[in-house]
Amino acid sequence: MKADQIKAVIEQKLPGSKVSIRDLTGTADHWEVWVISEAFQGKGMLEQHRLVKSFFEQDIASGVLHAFSLKTFTPEDWAKRAPQLVK
């Protein structure tokens, strides 16, 4: 699965979200995905991650996506933490 496909799925399921994707190994099956979305309001980190991973259950089960590392934020959390995370 390609980065633009992953990004499109997340942006379709979470309208208005901001998505950043990085291929960790160059093999297009180990991804680091950062998502900033209003949809995460009131949800804990585990619930946020489960929500995003639910979009890719078949791809993960089939091995198309082998490793899927997530970083999820509400816009407010991102505004507070971004200076520490992005250097």
N, C-alpha and C. Protein backbone atom coordinates (compact mmCIF):
# COMPACT_ATOMS: atom_id res chain seq x y z
N MET A 1 0.84 -1.17 0.00
CA MET A 1 0.00 0.00 0.00
C MET A 1 0.89 1.24 0.00
N LYS A 2 0.53 2.21 -0.79
CA LYS A 2 1.34 3.42 -0.93
C LYS A 2 0.91 4.49 0.07
N ALA A 3 1.83 5.39 0.35
CA ALA A 3 1.58 6.46 1.32
C ALA A 3 0.36 7.27 0.94
N ASP A 4 0.21 7.61 -0.33
CA ASP A 4 -0.92 8.44 -0.73
C ASP A 4 -2.25 7.71 -0.55
N GLN A 5 -2.24 6.38 -0.65
CA GLN A 5 -3.45 5.59 -0.42
C GLN A 5 -3.83 5.61 1.06
N ILE A 6 -2.83 5.43 1.92
CA ILE A 6 -3.07 5.47 3.36
C ILE A 6 -3.62 6.84 3.76
N LYS A 7 -2.96 7.87 3.27
CA LYS A 7 -3.38 9.24 3.58
C LYS A 7 -4.81 9.48 3.11
N ALA A 8 -5.14 9.05 1.90
CA ALA A 8 -6.49 9.26 1.36
C ALA A 8 -7.56 8.57 2.20
N VAL A 9 -7.28 7.36 2.65
CA VAL A 9 -8.25 6.63 3.47
C VAL A 9 -8.50 7.39 4.77
N ILE A 10 -7.43 7.80 5.42
CA ILE A 10 -7.59 8.50 6.71
C ILE A 10 -8.33 9.82 6.51
N GLU A 11 -7.95 10.57 5.48
CA GLU A 11 -8.59 11.86 5.24
C GLU A 11 -10.06 11.69 4.85
N GLN A 12 -10.41 10.60 4.20
CA GLN A 12 -11.80 10.33 3.85
C GLN A 12 -12.61 9.97 5.11
N LYS A 13 -12.03 9.13 5.96
CA LYS A 13 -12.73 8.68 7.17
C LYS A 13 -12.75 9.74 8.27
N LEU A 14 -11.75 10.60 8.26
CA LEU A 14 -11.66 11.68 9.27
C LEU A 14 -11.55 13.02 8.53
N PRO A 15 -12.66 13.51 7.98
CA PRO A 15 -12.61 14.75 7.21
C PRO A 15 -12.00 15.90 8.02
N GLY A 16 -11.18 16.68 7.34
CA GLY A 16 -10.53 17.81 7.99
C GLY A 16 -9.26 17.46 8.74
N SER A 17 -8.90 16.19 8.74
CA SER A 17 -7.68 15.78 9.46
C SER A 17 -6.44 16.18 8.67
N LYS A 18 -5.34 16.25 9.38
CA LYS A 18 -4.03 16.46 8.76
C LYS A 18 -3.24 15.18 8.98
N VAL A 19 -2.65 14.67 7.91
CA VAL A 19 -1.97 13.37 7.95
C VAL A 19 -0.57 13.50 7.39
N SER A 20 0.38 12.93 8.11
CA SER A 20 1.77 12.87 7.65
C SER A 20 2.21 11.42 7.73
N ILE A 21 2.86 10.94 6.67
CA ILE A 21 3.25 9.53 6.59
C ILE A 21 4.72 9.42 6.22
N ARG A 22 5.40 8.46 6.86
CA ARG A 22 6.81 8.21 6.55
C ARG A 22 7.02 6.71 6.45
N ASP A 23 7.65 6.29 5.36
CA ASP A 23 8.02 4.89 5.15
C ASP A 23 9.28 4.63 5.98
N LEU A 24 9.17 3.76 6.96
CA LEU A 24 10.27 3.54 7.89
C LEU A 24 11.39 2.67 7.34
N THR A 25 11.08 1.82 6.33
CA THR A 25 12.08 0.87 5.85
C THR A 25 12.35 0.95 4.35
N GLY A 26 11.52 1.69 3.63
CA GLY A 26 11.64 1.73 2.17
C GLY A 26 10.97 0.56 1.48
N THR A 27 10.25 -0.26 2.22
CA THR A 27 9.59 -1.43 1.65
C THR A 27 8.08 -1.25 1.50
N ALA A 28 7.58 -0.08 1.85
CA ALA A 28 6.15 0.27 1.74
C ALA A 28 5.24 -0.66 2.55
N ASP A 29 5.75 -1.21 3.64
CA ASP A 29 4.88 -1.99 4.53
C ASP A 29 5.11 -1.67 6.01
N HIS A 30 6.06 -0.78 6.30
CA HIS A 30 6.32 -0.31 7.67
C HIS A 30 6.16 1.21 7.66
N TRP A 31 5.09 1.69 8.28
CA TRP A 31 4.76 3.12 8.20
C TRP A 31 4.69 3.78 9.56
N GLU A 32 5.12 5.02 9.60
CA GLU A 32 4.86 5.89 10.74
C GLU A 32 3.83 6.90 10.26
N VAL A 33 2.72 6.98 10.96
CA VAL A 33 1.61 7.84 10.54
C VAL A 33 1.25 8.78 11.67
N TRP A 34 1.24 10.07 11.37
CA TRP A 34 0.83 11.10 12.32
C TRP A 34 -0.50 11.66 11.85
N VAL A 35 -1.47 11.73 12.76
CA VAL A 35 -2.79 12.23 12.41
C VAL A 35 -3.23 13.27 13.43
N ILE A 36 -3.67 14.41 12.93
CA ILE A 36 -4.24 15.46 13.77
C ILE A 36 -5.69 15.58 13.34
N SER A 37 -6.62 15.38 14.31
CA SER A 37 -8.03 15.38 13.95
C SER A 37 -8.92 15.80 15.11
N GLU A 38 -9.95 16.57 14.78
CA GLU A 38 -10.99 16.93 15.75
C GLU A 38 -11.73 15.69 16.23
N ALA A 39 -11.75 14.64 15.41
CA ALA A 39 -12.47 13.41 15.76
C ALA A 39 -11.90 12.74 17.01
N PHE A 40 -10.70 13.11 17.40
CA PHE A 40 -10.07 12.51 18.58
C PHE A 40 -10.48 13.18 19.89
N GLN A 41 -11.24 14.28 19.80
CA GLN A 41 -11.67 14.99 21.01
C GLN A 41 -12.39 14.02 21.95
N GLY A 42 -12.01 14.03 23.22
CA GLY A 42 -12.67 13.21 24.22
C GLY A 42 -12.28 11.74 24.20
N LYS A 43 -11.37 11.36 23.32
CA LYS A 43 -10.93 9.96 23.23
C LYS A 43 -9.51 9.84 23.77
N GLY A 44 -9.24 8.77 24.47
CA GLY A 44 -7.89 8.49 24.93
C GLY A 44 -7.02 8.04 23.77
N MET A 45 -5.72 7.98 24.01
CA MET A 45 -4.79 7.61 22.95
C MET A 45 -5.09 6.23 22.37
N LEU A 46 -5.37 5.26 23.21
CA LEU A 46 -5.66 3.91 22.73
C LEU A 46 -6.90 3.90 21.83
N GLU A 47 -7.93 4.63 22.23
CA GLU A 47 -9.15 4.70 21.42
C GLU A 47 -8.88 5.40 20.08
N GLN A 48 -8.05 6.44 20.10
CA GLN A 48 -7.67 7.13 18.87
C GLN A 48 -6.95 6.18 17.92
N HIS A 49 -6.00 5.42 18.46
CA HIS A 49 -5.23 4.48 17.64
C HIS A 49 -6.12 3.37 17.08
N ARG A 50 -7.01 2.86 17.92
CA ARG A 50 -7.93 1.82 17.45
C ARG A 50 -8.81 2.33 16.32
N LEU A 51 -9.26 3.57 16.44
CA LEU A 51 -10.09 4.16 15.40
C LEU A 51 -9.35 4.18 14.07
N VAL A 52 -8.15 4.70 14.05
CA VAL A 52 -7.38 4.79 12.80
C VAL A 52 -7.04 3.39 12.28
N LYS A 53 -6.60 2.52 13.14
CA LYS A 53 -6.25 1.17 12.68
C LYS A 53 -7.45 0.40 12.15
N SER A 54 -8.65 0.74 12.65
CA SER A 54 -9.86 0.05 12.16
C SER A 54 -10.07 0.29 10.67
N PHE A 55 -9.56 1.38 10.14
CA PHE A 55 -9.70 1.67 8.71
C PHE A 55 -8.88 0.70 7.86
N PHE A 56 -7.91 0.03 8.49
CA PHE A 56 -6.95 -0.81 7.75
C PHE A 56 -6.91 -2.25 8.24
N GLU A 57 -7.97 -2.70 8.90
CA GLU A 57 -7.97 -4.05 9.49
C GLU A 57 -7.61 -5.13 8.47
N GLN A 58 -8.20 -5.08 7.29
CA GLN A 58 -7.93 -6.10 6.28
C GLN A 58 -6.49 -6.02 5.78
N ASP A 59 -5.98 -4.81 5.61
CA ASP A 59 -4.61 -4.64 5.13
C ASP A 59 -3.59 -5.13 6.16
N ILE A 60 -3.88 -4.90 7.43
CA ILE A 60 -2.99 -5.36 8.49
C ILE A 60 -3.07 -6.89 8.59
N ALA A 61 -4.30 -7.44 8.55
CA ALA A 61 -4.49 -8.89 8.66
C ALA A 61 -3.83 -9.64 7.50
N SER A 62 -3.87 -9.04 6.30
CA SER A 62 -3.30 -9.71 5.13
C SER A 62 -1.79 -9.52 5.01
N GLY A 63 -1.22 -8.60 5.81
CA GLY A 63 0.21 -8.36 5.74
C GLY A 63 0.61 -7.26 4.78
N VAL A 64 -0.36 -6.67 4.08
CA VAL A 64 -0.05 -5.56 3.18
C VAL A 64 0.58 -4.42 4.00
N LEU A 65 0.03 -4.20 5.18
CA LEU A 65 0.64 -3.28 6.14
C LEU A 65 1.19 -4.12 7.28
N HIS A 66 2.49 -4.23 7.34
CA HIS A 66 3.10 -5.08 8.35
C HIS A 66 3.25 -4.36 9.68
N ALA A 67 3.74 -3.14 9.64
CA ALA A 67 3.92 -2.35 10.85
C ALA A 67 3.32 -0.98 10.61
N PHE A 68 2.57 -0.52 11.60
CA PHE A 68 1.80 0.70 11.46
C PHE A 68 1.92 1.47 12.77
N SER A 69 2.91 2.33 12.85
CA SER A 69 3.16 3.12 14.06
C SER A 69 2.35 4.41 13.97
N LEU A 70 1.55 4.68 15.00
CA LEU A 70 0.68 5.85 14.99
C LEU A 70 1.06 6.87 16.05
N LYS A 71 0.91 8.13 15.67
CA LYS A 71 0.97 9.26 16.59
C LYS A 71 -0.29 10.04 16.30
N THR A 72 -1.16 10.19 17.28
CA THR A 72 -2.43 10.87 17.06
C THR A 72 -2.58 12.04 18.03
N PHE A 73 -3.22 13.10 17.53
CA PHE A 73 -3.36 14.33 18.30
C PHE A 73 -4.68 15.01 17.97
N THR A 74 -5.28 15.64 18.97
CA THR A 74 -6.32 16.62 18.67
C THR A 74 -5.59 17.88 18.23
N PRO A 75 -6.26 18.80 17.56
CA PRO A 75 -5.58 20.04 17.19
C PRO A 75 -5.01 20.79 18.41
N GLU A 76 -5.73 20.75 19.53
CA GLU A 76 -5.25 21.42 20.74
C GLU A 76 -3.99 20.74 21.29
N ASP A 77 -4.00 19.41 21.32
CA ASP A 77 -2.81 18.67 21.78
C ASP A 77 -1.62 18.97 20.87
N TRP A 78 -1.87 19.01 19.57
CA TRP A 78 -0.80 19.28 18.62
C TRP A 78 -0.21 20.67 18.86
N ALA A 79 -1.07 21.66 19.07
CA ALA A 79 -0.60 23.03 19.29
C ALA A 79 0.29 23.11 20.53
N LYS A 80 -0.03 22.33 21.55
CA LYS A 80 0.77 22.33 22.79
C LYS A 80 2.07 21.56 22.62
N ARG A 81 2.03 20.45 21.90
CA ARG A 81 3.18 19.53 21.85
C ARG A 81 4.07 19.68 20.63
N ALA A 82 3.58 20.28 19.57
CA ALA A 82 4.34 20.37 18.32
C ALA A 82 5.74 20.95 18.49
N PRO A 83 5.91 22.04 19.25
CA PRO A 83 7.27 22.58 19.38
C PRO A 83 8.25 21.58 19.98
N GLN A 84 7.78 20.68 20.83
CA GLN A 84 8.66 19.68 21.45
C GLN A 84 8.90 18.50 20.52
N LEU A 85 7.94 18.21 19.63
CA LEU A 85 8.03 17.02 18.78
C LEU A 85 8.71 17.26 17.45
N VAL A 86 8.54 18.46 16.90
CA VAL A 86 9.06 18.76 15.57
C VAL A 86 10.19 19.76 15.72
N LYS A 87 11.38 19.30 15.42
CA LYS A 87 12.55 20.20 15.54
C LYS A 87 13.29 20.25 14.24
